[in-house]
Amino acid sequence: MAAELDDVKVLKVSPGKDSIEVMMQLKEGPANSYFLVD
């Protein structure tokens, strides 16, 4: 099942050679929790 994540936060953007890594956080998630989208 696909998860629909509403109004995520962007914490950090890190450019790389072949991609850009984006560190994100759930709006209502724990403060020390994050996930990455490349």
PDB file of all heavy atoms in Angstrom:
ATOM      1  N   MET A   1       0.845  -1.179   0.000  1.00  0.00           N
ATOM      2  CA  MET A   1       0.000   0.000   0.000  1.00  0.00           C
ATOM      3  C   MET A   1       0.886   1.236   0.000  1.00  0.00           C
ATOM      4  O   MET A   1       1.849   1.311   0.738  1.00  0.00           O
ATOM      5  CB  MET A   1      -0.911   0.014   1.231  1.00  0.00           C
ATOM      6  CG  MET A   1      -1.870  -1.157   1.294  1.00  0.00           C
ATOM      7  SD  MET A   1      -2.975  -1.244  -0.110  1.00  0.00           S
ATOM      8  CE  MET A   1      -4.084   0.068   0.280  1.00  0.00           C
ATOM      9  N   ALA A   2       0.575   2.172  -0.848  1.00  0.00           N
ATOM     10  CA  ALA A   2       1.348   3.404  -0.916  1.00  0.00           C
ATOM     11  C   ALA A   2       0.962   4.305   0.250  1.00  0.00           C
ATOM     12  O   ALA A   2      -0.211   4.418   0.589  1.00  0.00           O
ATOM     13  CB  ALA A   2       1.104   4.102  -2.234  1.00  0.00           C
ATOM     14  N   ALA A   3       1.969   4.920   0.844  1.00  0.00           N
ATOM     15  CA  ALA A   3       1.734   5.864   1.929  1.00  0.00           C
ATOM     16  C   ALA A   3       1.665   7.269   1.346  1.00  0.00           C
ATOM     17  O   ALA A   3       2.510   7.650   0.535  1.00  0.00           O
ATOM     18  CB  ALA A   3       2.846   5.767   2.957  1.00  0.00           C
ATOM     19  N   GLU A   4       0.659   8.015   1.745  1.00  0.00           N
ATOM     20  CA  GLU A   4       0.541   9.405   1.327  1.00  0.00           C
ATOM     21  C   GLU A   4       1.005  10.270   2.487  1.00  0.00           C
ATOM     22  O   GLU A   4       0.393  10.280   3.553  1.00  0.00           O
ATOM     23  CB  GLU A   4      -0.887   9.706   0.916  1.00  0.00           C
ATOM     24  CG  GLU A   4      -1.291   8.919  -0.315  1.00  0.00           C
ATOM     25  CD  GLU A   4      -2.642   9.310  -0.881  1.00  0.00           C
ATOM     26  OE1 GLU A   4      -3.150  10.393  -0.536  1.00  0.00           O
ATOM     27  OE2 GLU A   4      -3.171   8.515  -1.664  1.00  0.00           O
ATOM     28  N   LEU A   5       2.090  10.979   2.266  1.00  0.00           N
ATOM     29  CA  LEU A   5       2.703  11.805   3.301  1.00  0.00           C
ATOM     30  C   LEU A   5       2.344  13.256   3.034  1.00  0.00           C
ATOM     31  O   LEU A   5       2.733  13.826   2.019  1.00  0.00           O
ATOM     32  CB  LEU A   5       4.221  11.616   3.301  1.00  0.00           C
ATOM     33  CG  LEU A   5       4.709  10.167   3.281  1.00  0.00           C
ATOM     34  CD1 LEU A   5       6.222  10.116   3.218  1.00  0.00           C
ATOM     35  CD2 LEU A   5       4.199   9.422   4.499  1.00  0.00           C
ATOM     36  N   ASP A   6       1.594  13.845   3.949  1.00  0.00           N
ATOM     37  CA  ASP A   6       1.095  15.202   3.767  1.00  0.00           C
ATOM     38  C   ASP A   6       2.039  16.240   4.369  1.00  0.00           C
ATOM     39  O   ASP A   6       2.457  16.120   5.523  1.00  0.00           O
ATOM     40  CB  ASP A   6      -0.282  15.347   4.410  1.00  0.00           C
ATOM     41  CG  ASP A   6      -1.322  14.449   3.765  1.00  0.00           C
ATOM     42  OD1 ASP A   6      -1.205  14.197   2.551  1.00  0.00           O
ATOM     43  OD2 ASP A   6      -2.234  14.007   4.473  1.00  0.00           O
ATOM     44  N   ASP A   7       2.362  17.252   3.581  1.00  0.00           N
ATOM     45  CA  ASP A   7       3.124  18.422   4.001  1.00  0.00           C
ATOM     46  C   ASP A   7       4.423  18.058   4.729  1.00  0.00           C
ATOM     47  O   ASP A   7       4.617  18.415   5.880  1.00  0.00           O
ATOM     48  CB  ASP A   7       2.245  19.320   4.873  1.00  0.00           C
ATOM     49  CG  ASP A   7       2.776  20.740   4.936  1.00  0.00           C
ATOM     50  OD1 ASP A   7       3.637  21.115   4.108  1.00  0.00           O
ATOM     51  OD2 ASP A   7       2.346  21.494   5.830  1.00  0.00           O
ATOM     52  N   VAL A   8       5.295  17.349   4.042  1.00  0.00           N
ATOM     53  CA  VAL A   8       6.573  16.949   4.641  1.00  0.00           C
ATOM     54  C   VAL A   8       7.499  18.153   4.780  1.00  0.00           C
ATOM     55  O   VAL A   8       7.343  19.162   4.096  1.00  0.00           O
ATOM     56  CB  VAL A   8       7.275  15.840   3.822  1.00  0.00           C
ATOM     57  CG1 VAL A   8       6.443  14.576   3.785  1.00  0.00           C
ATOM     58  CG2 VAL A   8       7.613  16.316   2.424  1.00  0.00           C
ATOM     59  N   LYS A   9       8.450  18.038   5.682  1.00  0.00           N
ATOM     60  CA  LYS A   9       9.461  19.074   5.885  1.00  0.00           C
ATOM     61  C   LYS A   9      10.721  18.688   5.122  1.00  0.00           C
ATOM     62  O   LYS A   9      11.094  17.524   5.082  1.00  0.00           O
ATOM     63  CB  LYS A   9       9.819  19.187   7.367  1.00  0.00           C
ATOM     64  CG  LYS A   9       8.683  19.602   8.256  1.00  0.00           C
ATOM     65  CD  LYS A   9       9.129  19.591   9.702  1.00  0.00           C
ATOM     66  CE  LYS A   9       7.969  19.850  10.636  1.00  0.00           C
ATOM     67  NZ  LYS A   9       8.382  19.742  12.049  1.00  0.00           N
ATOM     68  N   VAL A  10      11.386  19.672   4.549  1.00  0.00           N
ATOM     69  CA  VAL A  10      12.682  19.462   3.906  1.00  0.00           C
ATOM     70  C   VAL A  10      13.734  19.939   4.896  1.00  0.00           C
ATOM     71  O   VAL A  10      13.783  21.120   5.250  1.00  0.00           O
ATOM     72  CB  VAL A  10      12.797  20.231   2.573  1.00  0.00           C
ATOM     73  CG1 VAL A  10      14.207  20.115   2.005  1.00  0.00           C
ATOM     74  CG2 VAL A  10      11.775  19.713   1.574  1.00  0.00           C
ATOM     75  N   LEU A  11      14.577  19.014   5.368  1.00  0.00           N
ATOM     76  CA  LEU A  11      15.591  19.354   6.352  1.00  0.00           C
ATOM     77  C   LEU A  11      16.918  19.747   5.723  1.00  0.00           C
ATOM     78  O   LEU A  11      17.598  20.654   6.211  1.00  0.00           O
ATOM     79  CB  LEU A  11      15.820  18.165   7.304  1.00  0.00           C
ATOM     80  CG  LEU A  11      14.596  17.653   8.057  1.00  0.00           C
ATOM     81  CD1 LEU A  11      14.964  16.431   8.890  1.00  0.00           C
ATOM     82  CD2 LEU A  11      14.009  18.743   8.931  1.00  0.00           C
ATOM     83  N   LYS A  12      17.284  19.030   4.640  1.00  0.00           N
ATOM     84  CA  LYS A  12      18.601  19.255   4.053  1.00  0.00           C
ATOM     85  C   LYS A  12      18.602  18.751   2.610  1.00  0.00           C
ATOM     86  O   LYS A  12      17.974  17.743   2.305  1.00  0.00           O
ATOM     87  CB  LYS A  12      19.641  18.495   4.875  1.00  0.00           C
ATOM     88  CG  LYS A  12      21.061  18.657   4.450  1.00  0.00           C
ATOM     89  CD  LYS A  12      21.962  17.868   5.405  1.00  0.00           C
ATOM     90  CE  LYS A  12      23.391  17.855   4.933  1.00  0.00           C
ATOM     91  NZ  LYS A  12      24.234  17.006   5.780  1.00  0.00           N
ATOM     92  N   VAL A  13      19.318  19.448   1.736  1.00  0.00           N
ATOM     93  CA  VAL A  13      19.480  19.041   0.352  1.00  0.00           C
ATOM     94  C   VAL A  13      20.976  18.932   0.083  1.00  0.00           C
ATOM     95  O   VAL A  13      21.720  19.889   0.300  1.00  0.00           O
ATOM     96  CB  VAL A  13      18.835  20.054  -0.624  1.00  0.00           C
ATOM     97  CG1 VAL A  13      19.070  19.646  -2.063  1.00  0.00           C
ATOM     98  CG2 VAL A  13      17.354  20.198  -0.341  1.00  0.00           C
ATOM     99  N   SER A  14      21.414  17.750  -0.373  1.00  0.00           N
ATOM    100  CA  SER A  14      22.832  17.502  -0.631  1.00  0.00           C
ATOM    101  C   SER A  14      23.031  17.057  -2.076  1.00  0.00           C
ATOM    102  O   SER A  14      22.675  15.940  -2.437  1.00  0.00           O
ATOM    103  CB  SER A  14      23.360  16.412   0.307  1.00  0.00           C
ATOM    104  OG  SER A  14      23.141  16.744   1.648  1.00  0.00           O
ATOM    105  N   PRO A  15      23.610  17.940  -2.906  1.00  0.00           N
ATOM    106  CA  PRO A  15      23.857  17.550  -4.297  1.00  0.00           C
ATOM    107  C   PRO A  15      25.015  16.569  -4.407  1.00  0.00           C
ATOM    108  O   PRO A  15      25.994  16.675  -3.675  1.00  0.00           O
ATOM    109  CB  PRO A  15      24.185  18.876  -4.987  1.00  0.00           C
ATOM    110  CG  PRO A  15      24.550  19.823  -3.911  1.00  0.00           C
ATOM    111  CD  PRO A  15      23.962  19.317  -2.640  1.00  0.00           C
ATOM    112  N   GLY A  16      24.874  15.623  -5.315  1.00  0.00           N
ATOM    113  CA  GLY A  16      25.927  14.656  -5.598  1.00  0.00           C
ATOM    114  C   GLY A  16      26.209  14.642  -7.091  1.00  0.00           C
ATOM    115  O   GLY A  16      25.660  15.447  -7.842  1.00  0.00           O
ATOM    116  N   LYS A  17      27.050  13.728  -7.526  1.00  0.00           N
ATOM    117  CA  LYS A  17      27.430  13.656  -8.941  1.00  0.00           C
ATOM    118  C   LYS A  17      26.252  13.261  -9.831  1.00  0.00           C
ATOM    119  O   LYS A  17      26.009  13.878 -10.858  1.00  0.00           O
ATOM    120  CB  LYS A  17      28.568  12.659  -9.108  1.00  0.00           C
ATOM    121  CG  LYS A  17      29.078  12.554 -10.513  1.00  0.00           C
ATOM    122  CD  LYS A  17      30.214  11.566 -10.615  1.00  0.00           C
ATOM    123  CE  LYS A  17      30.626  11.411 -12.076  1.00  0.00           C
ATOM    124  NZ  LYS A  17      31.610  10.376 -12.260  1.00  0.00           N
ATOM    125  N   ASP A  18      25.516  12.219  -9.448  1.00  0.00           N
ATOM    126  CA  ASP A  18      24.425  11.709 -10.281  1.00  0.00           C
ATOM    127  C   ASP A  18      23.046  11.844  -9.645  1.00  0.00           C
ATOM    128  O   ASP A  18      22.072  11.323 -10.180  1.00  0.00           O
ATOM    129  CB  ASP A  18      24.671  10.238 -10.612  1.00  0.00           C
ATOM    130  CG  ASP A  18      25.902  10.051 -11.481  1.00  0.00           C
ATOM    131  OD1 ASP A  18      26.130  10.907 -12.352  1.00  0.00           O
ATOM    132  OD2 ASP A  18      26.634   9.076 -11.275  1.00  0.00           O
ATOM    133  N   SER A  19      22.981  12.522  -8.498  1.00  0.00           N
ATOM    134  CA  SER A  19      21.694  12.629  -7.816  1.00  0.00           C
ATOM    135  C   SER A  19      21.735  13.771  -6.803  1.00  0.00           C
ATOM    136  O   SER A  19      22.791  14.335  -6.523  1.00  0.00           O
ATOM    137  CB  SER A  19      21.359  11.323  -7.099  1.00  0.00           C
ATOM    138  OG  SER A  19      22.292  11.090  -6.058  1.00  0.00           O
ATOM    139  N   ILE A  20      20.569  14.059  -6.272  1.00  0.00           N
ATOM    140  CA  ILE A  20      20.445  15.033  -5.187  1.00  0.00           C
ATOM    141  C   ILE A  20      19.712  14.337  -4.050  1.00  0.00           C
ATOM    142  O   ILE A  20      18.604  13.849  -4.230  1.00  0.00           O
ATOM    143  CB  ILE A  20      19.677  16.285  -5.646  1.00  0.00           C
ATOM    144  CG1 ILE A  20      20.467  16.996  -6.743  1.00  0.00           C
ATOM    145  CG2 ILE A  20      19.404  17.214  -4.475  1.00  0.00           C
ATOM    146  CD1 ILE A  20      19.779  18.169  -7.374  1.00  0.00           C
ATOM    147  N   GLU A  21      20.361  14.278  -2.906  1.00  0.00           N
ATOM    148  CA  GLU A  21      19.781  13.609  -1.745  1.00  0.00           C
ATOM    149  C   GLU A  21      19.018  14.637  -0.910  1.00  0.00           C
ATOM    150  O   GLU A  21      19.558  15.688  -0.565  1.00  0.00           O
ATOM    151  CB  GLU A  21      20.892  12.979  -0.908  1.00  0.00           C
ATOM    152  CG  GLU A  21      20.377  12.179   0.265  1.00  0.00           C
ATOM    153  CD  GLU A  21      21.519  11.574   1.048  1.00  0.00           C
ATOM    154  OE1 GLU A  21      22.094  12.289   1.893  1.00  0.00           O
ATOM    155  OE2 GLU A  21      21.837  10.399   0.801  1.00  0.00           O
ATOM    156  N   VAL A  22      17.764  14.327  -0.622  1.00  0.00           N
ATOM    157  CA  VAL A  22      16.915  15.230   0.149  1.00  0.00           C
ATOM    158  C   VAL A  22      16.539  14.549   1.459  1.00  0.00           C
ATOM    159  O   VAL A  22      15.950  13.469   1.456  1.00  0.00           O
ATOM    160  CB  VAL A  22      15.633  15.604  -0.637  1.00  0.00           C
ATOM    161  CG1 VAL A  22      14.814  16.615   0.147  1.00  0.00           C
ATOM    162  CG2 VAL A  22      15.974  16.139  -2.016  1.00  0.00           C
ATOM    163  N   MET A  23      16.920  15.178   2.570  1.00  0.00           N
ATOM    164  CA  MET A  23      16.554  14.675   3.890  1.00  0.00           C
ATOM    165  C   MET A  23      15.221  15.320   4.268  1.00  0.00           C
ATOM    166  O   MET A  23      15.081  16.548   4.228  1.00  0.00           O
ATOM    167  CB  MET A  23      17.612  15.034   4.933  1.00  0.00           C
ATOM    168  CG  MET A  23      17.310  14.503   6.317  1.00  0.00           C
ATOM    169  SD  MET A  23      18.520  15.031   7.562  1.00  0.00           S
ATOM    170  CE  MET A  23      19.934  14.084   7.074  1.00  0.00           C
ATOM    171  N   MET A  24      14.239  14.476   4.599  1.00  0.00           N
ATOM    172  CA  MET A  24      12.888  14.963   4.888  1.00  0.00           C
ATOM    173  C   MET A  24      12.384  14.426   6.214  1.00  0.00           C
ATOM    174  O   MET A  24      12.933  13.464   6.764  1.00  0.00           O
ATOM    175  CB  MET A  24      11.937  14.549   3.767  1.00  0.00           C
ATOM    176  CG  MET A  24      12.292  15.103   2.429  1.00  0.00           C
ATOM    177  SD  MET A  24      11.123  14.527   1.180  1.00  0.00           S
ATOM    178  CE  MET A  24      11.445  15.672  -0.122  1.00  0.00           C
ATOM    179  N   GLN A  25      11.310  15.041   6.682  1.00  0.00           N
ATOM    180  CA  GLN A  25      10.698  14.631   7.946  1.00  0.00           C
ATOM    181  C   GLN A  25       9.185  14.743   7.824  1.00  0.00           C
ATOM    182  O   GLN A  25       8.669  15.649   7.157  1.00  0.00           O
ATOM    183  CB  GLN A  25      11.204  15.549   9.054  1.00  0.00           C
ATOM    184  CG  GLN A  25      10.771  15.176  10.438  1.00  0.00           C
ATOM    185  CD  GLN A  25      11.399  16.112  11.459  1.00  0.00           C
ATOM    186  OE1 GLN A  25      11.211  17.322  11.370  1.00  0.00           O
ATOM    187  NE2 GLN A  25      12.134  15.559  12.392  1.00  0.00           N
ATOM    188  N   LEU A  26       8.493  13.806   8.464  1.00  0.00           N
ATOM    189  CA  LEU A  26       7.035  13.880   8.501  1.00  0.00           C
ATOM    190  C   LEU A  26       6.610  15.101   9.306  1.00  0.00           C
ATOM    191  O   LEU A  26       7.240  15.436  10.313  1.00  0.00           O
ATOM    192  CB  LEU A  26       6.458  12.620   9.154  1.00  0.00           C
ATOM    193  CG  LEU A  26       6.711  11.304   8.435  1.00  0.00           C
ATOM    194  CD1 LEU A  26       6.203  10.145   9.282  1.00  0.00           C
ATOM    195  CD2 LEU A  26       6.054  11.301   7.072  1.00  0.00           C
ATOM    196  N   LYS A  27       5.554  15.748   8.884  1.00  0.00           N
ATOM    197  CA  LYS A  27       5.074  16.947   9.582  1.00  0.00           C
ATOM    198  C   LYS A  27       4.753  16.651  11.045  1.00  0.00           C
ATOM    199  O   LYS A  27       5.115  17.399  11.931  1.00  0.00           O
ATOM    200  CB  LYS A  27       3.834  17.496   8.874  1.00  0.00           C
ATOM    201  CG  LYS A  27       3.301  18.750   9.494  1.00  0.00           C
ATOM    202  CD  LYS A  27       2.116  19.290   8.741  1.00  0.00           C
ATOM    203  CE  LYS A  27       1.613  20.556   9.400  1.00  0.00           C
ATOM    204  NZ  LYS A  27       0.462  21.098   8.713  1.00  0.00           N
ATOM    205  N   GLU A  28       4.100  15.547  11.284  1.00  0.00           N
ATOM    206  CA  GLU A  28       3.697  15.182  12.637  1.00  0.00           C
ATOM    207  C   GLU A  28       4.607  14.110  13.245  1.00  0.00           C
ATOM    208  O   GLU A  28       4.262  13.490  14.238  1.00  0.00           O
ATOM    209  CB  GLU A  28       2.245  14.695  12.639  1.00  0.00           C
ATOM    210  CG  GLU A  28       1.244  15.691  12.090  1.00  0.00           C
ATOM    211  CD  GLU A  28       1.158  16.972  12.894  1.00  0.00           C
ATOM    212  OE1 GLU A  28       1.324  16.925  14.140  1.00  0.00           O
ATOM    213  OE2 GLU A  28       0.952  18.028  12.283  1.00  0.00           O
ATOM    214  N   GLY A  29       5.755  13.874  12.631  1.00  0.00           N
ATOM    215  CA  GLY A  29       6.649  12.821  13.094  1.00  0.00           C
ATOM    216  C   GLY A  29       7.525  13.268  14.252  1.00  0.00           C
ATOM    217  O   GLY A  29       7.575  14.448  14.597  1.00  0.00           O
ATOM    218  N   PRO A  30       8.235  12.308  14.860  1.00  0.00           N
ATOM    219  CA  PRO A  30       9.163  12.634  15.945  1.00  0.00           C
ATOM    220  C   PRO A  30      10.262  13.589  15.462  1.00  0.00           C
ATOM    221  O   PRO A  30      10.693  13.515  14.310  1.00  0.00           O
ATOM    222  CB  PRO A  30       9.768  11.278  16.327  1.00  0.00           C
ATOM    223  CG  PRO A  30       8.874  10.251  15.726  1.00  0.00           C
ATOM    224  CD  PRO A  30       8.200  10.887  14.560  1.00  0.00           C
ATOM    225  N   ALA A  31      10.723  14.461  16.345  1.00  0.00           N
ATOM    226  CA  ALA A  31      11.715  15.474  15.981  1.00  0.00           C
ATOM    227  C   ALA A  31      13.035  14.871  15.521  1.00  0.00           C
ATOM    228  O   ALA A  31      13.732  15.453  14.698  1.00  0.00           O
ATOM    229  CB  ALA A  31      11.948  16.407  17.162  1.00  0.00           C
ATOM    230  N   ASN A  32      13.404  13.713  16.023  1.00  0.00           N
ATOM    231  CA  ASN A  32      14.695  13.120  15.668  1.00  0.00           C
ATOM    232  C   ASN A  32      14.577  12.080  14.551  1.00  0.00           C
ATOM    233  O   ASN A  32      15.500  11.329  14.301  1.00  0.00           O
ATOM    234  CB  ASN A  32      15.345  12.493  16.901  1.00  0.00           C
ATOM    235  CG  ASN A  32      14.503  11.382  17.492  1.00  0.00           C
ATOM    236  OD1 ASN A  32      13.339  11.219  17.135  1.00  0.00           O
ATOM    237  ND2 ASN A  32      15.075  10.632  18.402  1.00  0.00           N
ATOM    238  N   SER A  33      13.452  12.045  13.866  1.00  0.00           N
ATOM    239  CA  SER A  33      13.210  11.063  12.817  1.00  0.00           C
ATOM    240  C   SER A  33      13.295  11.740  11.445  1.00  0.00           C
ATOM    241  O   SER A  33      12.860  12.870  11.274  1.00  0.00           O
ATOM    242  CB  SER A  33      11.827  10.448  13.000  1.00  0.00           C
ATOM    243  OG  SER A  33      11.539   9.576  11.949  1.00  0.00           O
ATOM    244  N   TYR A  34      13.873  11.037  10.478  1.00  0.00           N
ATOM    245  CA  TYR A  34      13.962  11.564   9.120  1.00  0.00           C
ATOM    246  C   TYR A  34      14.007  10.411   8.125  1.00  0.00           C
ATOM    247  O   TYR A  34      14.208   9.262   8.491  1.00  0.00           O
ATOM    248  CB  TYR A  34      15.192  12.456   8.946  1.00  0.00           C
ATOM    249  CG  TYR A  34      16.493  11.705   9.056  1.00  0.00           C
ATOM    250  CD1 TYR A  34      17.121  11.196   7.926  1.00  0.00           C
ATOM    251  CD2 TYR A  34      17.099  11.490  10.286  1.00  0.00           C
ATOM    252  CE1 TYR A  34      18.308  10.484   8.013  1.00  0.00           C
ATOM    253  CE2 TYR A  34      18.283  10.782  10.390  1.00  0.00           C
ATOM    254  CZ  TYR A  34      18.884  10.294   9.250  1.00  0.00           C
ATOM    255  OH  TYR A  34      20.051   9.580   9.337  1.00  0.00           O
ATOM    256  N   PHE A  35      13.803  10.736   6.852  1.00  0.00           N
ATOM    257  CA  PHE A  35      13.968   9.764   5.780  1.00  0.00           C
ATOM    258  C   PHE A  35      14.619  10.486   4.606  1.00  0.00           C
ATOM    259  O   PHE A  35      14.636  11.718   4.541  1.00  0.00           O
ATOM    260  CB  PHE A  35      12.638   9.111   5.384  1.00  0.00           C
ATOM    261  CG  PHE A  35      11.595  10.062   4.874  1.00  0.00           C
ATOM    262  CD1 PHE A  35      11.426  10.250   3.518  1.00  0.00           C
ATOM    263  CD2 PHE A  35      10.771  10.752   5.751  1.00  0.00           C
ATOM    264  CE1 PHE A  35      10.453  11.123   3.034  1.00  0.00           C
ATOM    265  CE2 PHE A  35       9.797  11.618   5.288  1.00  0.00           C
ATOM    266  CZ  PHE A  35       9.640  11.809   3.927  1.00  0.00           C
ATOM    267  N   LEU A  36      15.200   9.725   3.693  1.00  0.00           N
ATOM    268  CA  LEU A  36      15.937  10.291   2.572  1.00  0.00           C
ATOM    269  C   LEU A  36      15.282   9.913   1.251  1.00  0.00           C
ATOM    270  O   LEU A  36      14.856   8.775   1.067  1.00  0.00           O
ATOM    271  CB  LEU A  36      17.373   9.773   2.569  1.00  0.00           C
ATOM    272  CG  LEU A  36      18.171  10.049   3.843  1.00  0.00           C
ATOM    273  CD1 LEU A  36      19.422   9.199   3.884  1.00  0.00           C
ATOM    274  CD2 LEU A  36      18.517  11.514   3.938  1.00  0.00           C
ATOM    275  N   VAL A  37      15.210  10.882   0.352  1.00  0.00           N
ATOM    276  CA  VAL A  37      14.762  10.630  -1.011  1.00  0.00           C
ATOM    277  C   VAL A  37      15.888  11.076  -1.927  1.00  0.00           C
ATOM    278  O   VAL A  37      16.358  12.213  -1.846  1.00  0.00           O
ATOM    279  CB  VAL A  37      13.465  11.387  -1.353  1.00  0.00           C
ATOM    280  CG1 VAL A  37      13.090  11.186  -2.815  1.00  0.00           C
ATOM    281  CG2 VAL A  37      12.323  10.944  -0.447  1.00  0.00           C
ATOM    282  N   ASP A  38      16.346  10.174  -2.757  1.00  0.00           N
ATOM    283  CA  ASP A  38      17.424  10.448  -3.693  1.00  0.00           C
ATOM    284  C   ASP A  38      16.820  10.765  -5.056  1.00  0.00           C
ATOM    285  O   ASP A  38      16.250   9.887  -5.705  1.00  0.00           O
ATOM    286  CB  ASP A  38      18.345   9.228  -3.773  1.00  0.00           C
ATOM    287  CG  ASP A  38      19.735   9.566  -4.239  1.00  0.00           C
ATOM    288  OD1 ASP A  38      20.126  10.748  -4.148  1.00  0.00           O
ATOM    289  OD2 ASP A  38      20.444   8.649  -4.685  1.00  0.00           O
TER     290      ASP A  38
END
